[in-house]
Structure formats: structure tokens, C-alpha cells
Amino acid sequence: MSSLDAVLARGVPYLTITVPGRAFQDACPERGFAPKSLSRTLVDSGTVFVPLVPWTEAAAGTSATLGAATAAYAAYAFLNHFGVITAVICGYTGFGIARKKPVPRAAEEPLWAVA
């Protein structure tokens, strides 16, 4: 959902990977996920959705190339729809999700004790 939100809010494909990736990079090892699972999920759920959002540069390029509006070709963009659906199915079933041994979060010290 954060990747889709990044697409809708920013419209730049690079930020659909960078912003959610930075947000979840510490949470994945704590939950036992390998970094490549986060990377694949960001690509499956965010990047492939970019050409379906009319105000993105990818949609403008695709529309200009095809000579059709985004809404006209969105119904035929099967890879874009199936990428998001596949990411959700893999997330719920655990199929294809690389795992690692969970890394416990380091104990946080109060700022006054760090001096």
C-alpha cells in the first residue's frame, strides 16, 4: 500500500521504490524477511503500477506512444494488474518470500545516557 500511495502522491517511479524501501528496511530483518523480498515486493507493487496513473511520466510516454489515453489501455495492461495481485498473494501465502533468521531490535538507550 505504501508503494501505491507513493505512485499516486508523487508520480515518479524511482520514489515508489526509494521512499517505502527506506521506511521498511529496518522492519524486514526484525520480522525475518530477506532484503530481496522487500525489493521484489516494491517492484511488484509499485513500479509496475506507474504507467496506469495518468499524471506520471511513464503514463504520458505510454499514452503518446500508443496514441491512446491511460484509461483506454489500462484494461489491457495485464502485467501491471497481475504484478500487484501476485505480490498480495505471495504476501499472504508466503510463497516465494525469502526468509532469514529474525534479527532482534537493539535495545534503545535514552538520549541522556548516550553521552
Protein backbone atom coordinates (compact mmCIF):
# COMPACT_ATOMS: atom_id res chain seq x y z
CA MET A 1 0.00 0.00 0.00
CA SER A 2 2.87 2.39 0.67
CA SER A 3 4.21 1.85 -2.85
CA LEU A 4 0.82 2.51 -4.38
CA ASP A 5 0.49 5.60 -2.21
CA ALA A 6 3.90 6.79 -3.40
CA VAL A 7 2.80 6.34 -7.02
CA LEU A 8 -0.40 8.28 -6.51
CA ALA A 9 1.19 11.06 -4.48
CA ARG A 10 4.49 11.54 -6.29
CA GLY A 11 4.09 10.01 -9.73
CA VAL A 12 7.79 9.21 -10.10
CA PRO A 13 8.74 5.52 -10.39
CA TYR A 14 12.06 5.94 -8.56
CA LEU A 15 10.35 7.26 -5.45
CA THR A 16 7.96 4.30 -5.39
CA ILE A 17 10.99 2.17 -4.57
CA THR A 18 13.11 4.57 -2.53
CA VAL A 19 10.61 6.02 -0.05
CA PRO A 20 8.85 2.78 1.02
CA GLY A 21 12.16 0.91 0.85
CA ARG A 22 13.75 3.27 3.35
CA ALA A 23 10.65 3.12 5.53
CA PHE A 24 10.68 -0.68 5.78
CA GLN A 25 14.38 -1.51 5.57
CA ASP A 26 14.68 -1.91 9.34
CA ALA A 27 11.35 -3.69 9.80
CA CYS A 28 12.09 -6.56 7.40
CA PRO A 29 15.09 -8.08 9.25
CA GLU A 30 13.17 -7.85 12.53
CA ARG A 31 10.37 -9.92 11.03
CA GLY A 32 12.66 -12.44 9.37
CA PHE A 33 12.44 -11.29 5.75
CA ALA A 34 15.45 -11.16 3.45
CA PRO A 35 16.19 -7.79 1.81
CA LYS A 36 15.47 -9.24 -1.63
CA SER A 37 11.89 -9.90 -0.56
CA LEU A 38 11.42 -6.22 0.20
CA SER A 39 13.00 -5.28 -3.11
CA ARG A 40 10.81 -7.64 -5.11
CA THR A 41 7.67 -6.51 -3.31
CA LEU A 42 8.43 -2.86 -4.01
CA VAL A 43 8.89 -3.58 -7.70
CA ASP A 44 5.84 -5.86 -7.91
CA SER A 45 3.51 -3.47 -6.15
CA GLY A 46 4.77 -0.02 -7.05
CA THR A 47 6.85 0.25 -10.18
CA VAL A 48 4.58 -1.76 -12.47
CA PHE A 49 1.61 0.36 -11.39
CA VAL A 50 3.22 3.65 -12.51
CA PRO A 51 2.09 3.54 -16.18
CA LEU A 52 -1.54 3.25 -15.03
CA VAL A 53 -1.53 6.58 -13.18
CA PRO A 54 -2.26 9.30 -15.75
CA TRP A 55 -0.08 12.05 -14.21
CA THR A 56 3.16 10.05 -14.24
CA GLU A 57 5.88 10.38 -16.83
CA ALA A 58 5.57 6.68 -17.72
CA ALA A 59 1.85 7.07 -18.46
CA ALA A 60 2.49 10.16 -20.57
CA GLY A 61 5.11 8.30 -22.61
CA THR A 62 2.94 5.22 -22.98
CA SER A 63 -0.08 7.29 -23.98
CA ALA A 64 1.96 9.20 -26.55
CA THR A 65 3.42 6.00 -27.99
CA LEU A 66 0.09 4.18 -28.19
CA GLY A 67 -1.91 7.25 -29.16
CA ALA A 68 -4.50 6.38 -26.51
CA ALA A 69 -5.45 7.74 -23.12
CA THR A 70 -4.33 5.92 -19.98
CA ALA A 71 -7.89 4.79 -19.21
CA ALA A 72 -8.13 3.25 -22.70
CA TYR A 73 -5.14 0.93 -22.32
CA ALA A 74 -5.37 0.31 -18.57
CA ALA A 75 -7.80 -2.57 -19.04
CA TYR A 76 -5.25 -4.32 -21.29
CA ALA A 77 -2.23 -3.85 -19.04
CA PHE A 78 -2.37 -7.38 -17.68
CA LEU A 79 1.20 -7.46 -16.36
CA ASN A 80 0.58 -4.32 -14.34
CA HIS A 81 -2.55 -5.72 -12.70
CA PHE A 82 -1.16 -9.21 -12.15
CA GLY A 83 2.03 -7.85 -10.58
CA VAL A 84 0.07 -6.26 -7.74
CA ILE A 85 -2.22 -9.27 -7.39
CA THR A 86 0.75 -11.66 -7.32
CA ALA A 87 2.51 -9.57 -4.67
CA VAL A 88 -0.57 -9.73 -2.43
CA ILE A 89 -0.99 -13.48 -2.93
CA CYS A 90 2.69 -14.15 -2.21
CA GLY A 91 2.49 -11.97 0.88
CA TYR A 92 -0.46 -13.86 2.32
CA THR A 93 0.69 -17.35 1.39
CA GLY A 94 4.42 -16.86 1.96
CA PHE A 95 5.17 -18.49 -1.40
CA GLY A 96 8.38 -17.10 -2.90
CA ILE A 97 9.19 -14.96 0.13
CA ALA A 98 12.86 -15.27 1.09
CA ARG A 99 13.33 -15.56 4.83
CA LYS A 100 16.21 -15.09 7.22
CA LYS A 101 16.56 -15.62 10.91
CA PRO A 102 14.87 -12.66 12.65
CA VAL A 103 17.28 -10.03 13.96
CA PRO A 104 16.10 -8.59 17.28
CA ARG A 105 15.94 -4.84 17.53
CA ALA A 106 18.80 -3.32 19.51
CA ALA A 107 17.80 -2.03 22.92
CA GLU A 108 17.22 1.68 22.70
CA GLU A 109 19.05 3.78 25.22
CA PRO A 110 17.69 7.12 26.38
CA LEU A 111 19.43 10.08 24.77
CA TRP A 112 20.68 11.34 28.12
CA ALA A 113 22.60 8.07 28.68
CA VAL A 114 24.45 8.16 25.35
CA ALA A 115 26.85 10.97 26.31
